[in-house]
């Protein structure tokens, strides 16, 4: 049974930082690309970070480029999303994904 479990979300002030984690089980983590998505209220889910199975060539949309960083530890079956210089518009439920599998999502709220 494949499971993706996110952690590390919460409430942070504008300009602050958070690091999300996503631990994967029941799946060959090291041979698959990983991605982070987010969905804000009333908006479609959007992609915010992608990394290949080798831990290289991260890719980001312009909305988060320079502020977010994806990384992975294949020895821990975990992918991370470091989020810096957070803005209120980053408020959303964040999901990790690999192939057809999604985590349950975790809330990130950026507010003063």
Protein backbone atom coordinates (compact mmCIF):
# COMPACT_ATOMS: atom_id res chain seq x y z
CA UNK A 1 0.00 0.00 0.00
CA UNK A 2 1.48 3.31 -1.13
CA UNK A 3 1.37 6.11 1.39
CA UNK A 4 2.58 9.69 1.15
CA UNK A 5 2.42 11.60 4.43
CA UNK A 6 3.11 15.32 4.56
CA UNK A 7 4.21 17.19 7.68
CA UNK A 8 5.61 20.56 8.69
CA UNK A 9 2.77 22.88 7.76
CA UNK A 10 1.23 25.55 9.94
CA UNK A 11 0.84 29.28 10.43
CA UNK A 12 3.70 31.62 9.59
CA UNK A 13 4.03 35.37 9.25
CA UNK A 14 4.75 37.00 5.89
CA UNK A 15 8.46 36.82 5.15
CA UNK A 16 8.85 33.69 7.25
CA UNK A 17 9.92 30.18 6.35
CA UNK A 18 8.59 26.66 6.63
CA UNK A 19 9.91 23.27 5.59
CA UNK A 20 7.47 20.63 4.49
CA UNK A 21 8.33 16.95 4.50
CA UNK A 22 6.69 14.07 2.67
CA UNK A 23 7.57 10.54 3.68
CA UNK A 24 6.77 7.79 1.20
CA UNK A 25 6.18 4.14 1.95
CA UNK A 26 5.11 1.11 -0.06
CA UNK A 27 6.76 2.52 -3.16
CA UNK A 28 10.16 2.48 -4.87
CA UNK A 29 10.93 6.05 -3.94
CA UNK A 30 14.45 6.25 -5.34
CA UNK A 31 13.47 5.54 -8.94
CA UNK A 32 10.67 8.07 -9.26
CA UNK A 33 10.37 11.80 -9.67
CA UNK A 34 8.65 13.71 -6.87
CA UNK A 35 6.62 16.89 -6.97
CA UNK A 36 4.85 19.35 -4.72
CA UNK A 37 1.53 20.96 -5.57
CA UNK A 38 -0.75 23.38 -3.78
CA UNK A 39 -4.39 24.34 -3.86
CA UNK A 40 -5.72 27.60 -2.50
CA UNK A 41 -9.42 28.08 -1.66
CA UNK A 42 -11.45 28.57 -4.81
CA UNK A 43 -8.48 27.89 -7.08
CA UNK A 44 -7.23 24.95 -9.08
CA UNK A 45 -4.42 22.79 -7.84
CA UNK A 46 -1.06 24.01 -9.18
CA UNK A 47 2.42 22.58 -9.38
CA UNK A 48 5.12 24.35 -7.32
CA UNK A 49 8.20 22.10 -7.46
CA UNK A 50 9.51 19.04 -9.26
CA UNK A 51 12.63 16.95 -8.82
CA UNK A 52 13.82 13.91 -10.75
CA UNK A 53 14.73 10.59 -9.17
CA UNK A 54 18.43 11.51 -9.03
CA UNK A 55 17.87 14.59 -6.88
CA UNK A 56 18.99 16.92 -9.65
CA UNK A 57 17.44 19.43 -12.03
CA UNK A 58 14.77 20.90 -9.76
CA UNK A 59 12.12 22.87 -11.55
CA UNK A 60 9.77 25.60 -10.34
CA UNK A 61 7.13 27.92 -11.75
CA UNK A 62 7.89 31.64 -11.72
CA UNK A 63 5.51 32.20 -8.80
CA UNK A 64 7.86 30.46 -6.37
CA UNK A 65 11.23 30.42 -8.15
CA UNK A 66 13.98 31.77 -5.91
CA UNK A 67 11.87 31.27 -2.77
CA UNK A 68 11.06 27.55 -2.71
CA UNK A 69 13.53 24.67 -2.90
CA UNK A 70 12.75 21.00 -3.31
CA UNK A 71 15.14 18.32 -2.12
CA UNK A 72 15.04 14.62 -1.44
CA UNK A 73 16.75 12.05 0.71
CA UNK A 74 16.51 8.67 -0.96
CA UNK A 75 17.87 6.96 2.16
CA UNK A 76 14.86 8.21 4.12
CA UNK A 77 12.24 7.97 1.34
CA UNK A 78 11.48 11.61 1.99
CA UNK A 79 11.07 14.70 -0.14
CA UNK A 80 11.22 18.20 1.29
CA UNK A 81 9.99 21.63 0.30
CA UNK A 82 11.84 24.55 1.87
CA UNK A 83 9.71 27.67 1.58
CA UNK A 84 11.29 31.06 2.27
CA UNK A 85 10.07 34.64 1.99
CA UNK A 86 6.51 33.41 2.30
CA UNK A 87 3.68 35.61 1.12
CA UNK A 88 -0.03 35.59 1.99
CA UNK A 89 -0.73 34.30 -1.53
CA UNK A 90 1.26 31.16 -0.68
CA UNK A 91 -1.55 30.16 1.66
CA UNK A 92 -2.88 26.82 0.45
CA UNK A 93 -3.08 23.13 1.12
CA UNK A 94 0.20 21.59 -0.06
CA UNK A 95 0.40 18.09 -1.51
CA UNK A 96 3.26 15.85 -2.48
CA UNK A 97 2.88 13.61 -5.46
CA UNK A 98 4.64 10.83 -7.30
CA UNK A 99 3.05 9.41 -10.41
CA UNK A 100 -0.57 8.62 -9.66
CA UNK A 101 -0.10 8.83 -5.91
CA UNK A 102 -0.89 11.87 -3.76
CA UNK A 103 -0.49 12.71 -0.12
CA UNK A 104 -3.43 13.85 1.97
CA UNK A 105 -2.30 17.46 1.97
CA UNK A 106 -1.18 19.83 4.69
CA UNK A 107 -2.29 23.38 5.41
CA UNK A 108 0.12 26.30 5.11
CA UNK A 109 -1.23 29.68 6.19
CA UNK A 110 0.77 32.87 5.75
CA UNK A 111 -0.76 35.67 7.77
CA UNK A 112 0.14 38.37 10.26
